[in-house]
C-alpha atoms as a PDB file:
ATOM      1  CA  MET A   1     181.937  -2.416 109.957  1.00  0.00           C
ATOM      2  CA  THR A   2     179.492  -3.479 107.274  1.00  0.00           C
ATOM      3  CA  ASP A   3     179.059  -6.867 105.713  1.00  0.00           C
ATOM      4  CA  GLU A   4     180.357  -7.068 102.116  1.00  0.00           C
ATOM      5  CA  GLY A   5     177.069  -8.647 100.916  1.00  0.00           C
ATOM      6  CA  GLU A   6     174.891  -5.762 102.081  1.00  0.00           C
ATOM      7  CA  GLU A   7     173.502  -3.347  99.543  1.00  0.00           C
ATOM      8  CA  PHE A   8     171.142  -0.393  99.912  1.00  0.00           C
ATOM      9  CA  ILE A   9     168.743   0.268  97.026  1.00  0.00           C
ATOM     10  CA  PRO A  10     166.991   3.675  97.222  1.00  0.00           C
ATOM     11  CA  HIS A  11     163.324   4.109  96.313  1.00  0.00           C
ATOM     12  CA  ALA A  12     163.011   5.709  92.866  1.00  0.00           C
ATOM     13  CA  ILE A  13     160.481   8.375  93.882  1.00  0.00           C
ATOM     14  CA  HIS A  14     160.761   8.763  97.664  1.00  0.00           C
ATOM     15  CA  THR A  15     164.549   8.784  97.961  1.00  0.00           C
ATOM     16  CA  TRP A  16     164.530   9.341 101.731  1.00  0.00           C
ATOM     17  CA  PHE A  17     164.149   5.569 102.206  1.00  0.00           C
ATOM     18  CA  GLY A  18     165.055   2.345 100.454  1.00  0.00           C
ATOM     19  CA  TYR A  19     165.529  -1.386 100.700  1.00  0.00           C
ATOM     20  CA  LEU A  20     168.460  -3.058 102.472  1.00  0.00           C
ATOM     21  CA  LYS A  21     168.726  -6.108 100.223  1.00  0.00           C
ATOM     22  CA  SER A  22     170.666  -8.541 102.423  1.00  0.00           C
ATOM     23  CA  ARG A  23     168.450  -7.999 105.484  1.00  0.00           C
ATOM     24  CA  GLY A  24     165.165  -7.663 103.604  1.00  0.00           C
ATOM     25  CA  ILE A  25     164.167  -4.474 105.427  1.00  0.00           C
ATOM     26  CA  VAL A  26     163.259  -0.902 104.519  1.00  0.00           C
ATOM     27  CA  VAL A  27     165.520   1.726 106.112  1.00  0.00           C
ATOM     28  CA  THR A  28     166.028   5.483 105.934  1.00  0.00           C
ATOM     29  CA  ARG A  29     168.438   6.937 103.404  1.00  0.00           C
ATOM     30  CA  ASP A  30     170.898   7.953 106.128  1.00  0.00           C
ATOM     31  CA  GLU A  31     171.010   4.429 107.540  1.00  0.00           C
ATOM     32  CA  GLY A  32     171.113   2.881 104.072  1.00  0.00           C
ATOM     33  CA  ALA A  33     173.953   5.135 102.893  1.00  0.00           C
ATOM     34  CA  LYS A  34     176.268   3.137 105.151  1.00  0.00           C
ATOM     35  CA  TYR A  35     175.540   0.134 102.950  1.00  0.00           C
ATOM     36  CA  GLY A  36     175.377   1.941  99.597  1.00  0.00           C
ATOM     37  CA  GLN A  37     176.814   0.316  96.523  1.00  0.00           C
ATOM     38  CA  TYR A  38     179.574   2.937  96.432  1.00  0.00           C
ATOM     39  CA  ALA A  39     180.325   3.062 100.159  1.00  0.00           C
ATOM     40  CA  ARG A  40     183.391   0.842  99.642  1.00  0.00           C
ATOM     41  CA  ASP A  41     185.887   0.846  96.764  1.00  0.00           C
ATOM     42  CA  THR A  42     184.191   3.989  95.480  1.00  0.00           C
ATOM     43  CA  GLU A  43     186.330   4.902  92.497  1.00  0.00           C
ATOM     44  CA  GLU A  44     186.491   1.365  91.111  1.00  0.00           C
ATOM     45  CA  ARG A  45     182.753   0.808  91.540  1.00  0.00           C
ATOM     46  CA  ILE A  46     181.882   4.121  89.895  1.00  0.00           C
ATOM     47  CA  ARG A  47     184.310   3.436  87.061  1.00  0.00           C
ATOM     48  CA  ASN A  48     182.737  -0.013  86.492  1.00  0.00           C
ATOM     49  CA  ALA A  49     179.188   1.381  86.591  1.00  0.00           C
ATOM     50  CA  LEU A  50     180.019   4.124  84.105  1.00  0.00           C
ATOM     51  CA  SER A  51     181.684   1.695  81.718  1.00  0.00           C
ATOM     52  CA  THR A  52     178.812  -0.808  82.029  1.00  0.00           C
ATOM     53  CA  PHE A  53     175.740   1.453  82.208  1.00  0.00           C
ATOM     54  CA  GLY A  54     177.112   4.812  81.052  1.00  0.00           C
ATOM     55  CA  TRP A  55     175.663   6.658  84.059  1.00  0.00           C
ATOM     56  CA  VAL A  56     175.180   6.782  87.823  1.00  0.00           C
ATOM     57  CA  TYR A  57     172.434   8.676  89.635  1.00  0.00           C
ATOM     58  CA  CYS A  58     173.090  11.132  92.476  1.00  0.00           C
ATOM     59  CA  VAL A  59     170.236  10.708  94.944  1.00  0.00           C
ATOM     60  CA  ASP A  60     171.153  13.929  96.759  1.00  0.00           C
ATOM     61  CA  CYS A  61     171.152  16.141  93.634  1.00  0.00           C
ATOM     62  CA  ARG A  62     168.481  14.078  91.854  1.00  0.00           C
ATOM     63  CA  GLN A  63     170.408  13.996  88.578  1.00  0.00           C
ATOM     64  CA  PRO A  64     172.200  11.475  86.400  1.00  0.00           C
ATOM     65  CA  ILE A  65     175.975  11.753  86.103  1.00  0.00           C
ATOM     66  CA  PHE A  66     177.850  10.581  83.021  1.00  0.00           C
ATOM     67  CA  ASP A  67     181.404  11.733  83.817  1.00  0.00           C
ATOM     68  CA  LEU A  68     183.806   9.886  86.153  1.00  0.00           C
ATOM     69  CA  ASN A  69     185.382  13.036  87.614  1.00  0.00           C
ATOM     70  CA  GLU A  70     181.992  14.579  88.320  1.00  0.00           C
ATOM     71  CA  ALA A  71     180.792  11.356  89.954  1.00  0.00           C
ATOM     72  CA  LEU A  72     183.907  11.200  92.135  1.00  0.00           C
ATOM     73  CA  GLU A  73     183.329  14.798  93.238  1.00  0.00           C
ATOM     74  CA  HIS A  74     179.790  13.895  94.315  1.00  0.00           C
ATOM     75  CA  ALA A  75     181.115  10.829  96.155  1.00  0.00           C
ATOM     76  CA  LYS A  76     183.732  12.957  97.953  1.00  0.00           C
ATOM     77  CA  ARG A  77     180.955  15.271  99.125  1.00  0.00           C
ATOM     78  CA  GLY A  78     179.241  12.246 100.670  1.00  0.00           C
ATOM     79  CA  HIS A  79     176.435  12.042  98.124  1.00  0.00           C
ATOM     80  CA  LEU A  80     174.652   8.744  97.596  1.00  0.00           C
ATOM     81  CA  LEU A  81     175.286   7.388  94.085  1.00  0.00           C
ATOM     82  CA  THR A  82     173.438   4.468  92.539  1.00  0.00           C
ATOM     83  CA  ASN A  83     172.217   2.976  89.280  1.00  0.00           C
ATOM     84  CA  GLU A  84     169.629   0.668  90.814  1.00  0.00           C
ATOM     85  CA  PHE A  85     166.324   1.601  92.405  1.00  0.00           C
ATOM     86  CA  MET A  86     163.825  -0.119  94.675  1.00  0.00           C
ATOM     87  CA  ARG A  87     160.795  -1.255  92.689  1.00  0.00           C
ATOM     88  CA  ASP A  88     157.428   0.176  93.565  1.00  0.00           C
ATOM     89  CA  GLU A  89     154.717  -2.079  92.185  1.00  0.00           C
ATOM     90  CA  VAL A  90     151.871   0.373  92.910  1.00  0.00           C
ATOM     91  CA  ALA A  91     153.543   3.646  91.841  1.00  0.00           C
ATOM     92  CA  ALA A  92     151.612   3.692  88.572  1.00  0.00           C
ATOM     93  CA  GLU A  93     148.346   3.479  90.496  1.00  0.00           C
ATOM     94  CA  GLU A  94     149.346   6.271  92.891  1.00  0.00           C
ATOM     95  CA  VAL A  95     150.352   8.795  90.225  1.00  0.00           C
ATOM     96  CA  PRO A  96     147.398  10.726  88.788  1.00  0.00           C
ATOM     97  CA  MET A  97     146.932  10.618  85.035  1.00  0.00           C
ATOM     98  CA  VAL A  98     147.638  13.852  83.166  1.00  0.00           C
ATOM     99  CA  SER A  99     145.315  14.550  80.287  1.00  0.00           C
END
């Protein structure tokens, strides 16, 4: 059983890992999915996110979702949905400039 205060935040670029907020540790996506924002009360959380932000992001499909029914289908398939990403302070320095 997971603690209600735990939340997994996937990395924006390297989605195979992320930050487990309550414990202050980096974990794999599979471990973090147990603590995902939509792991509990899925439909209500997705509904609230869509009404607040207008979108959720499917980490598995790497695409934004704007429709509640589509988001619920992804959730039923076990996909990780989020609208928050782990910050990467040095990502801009790691990405080569395109001229």
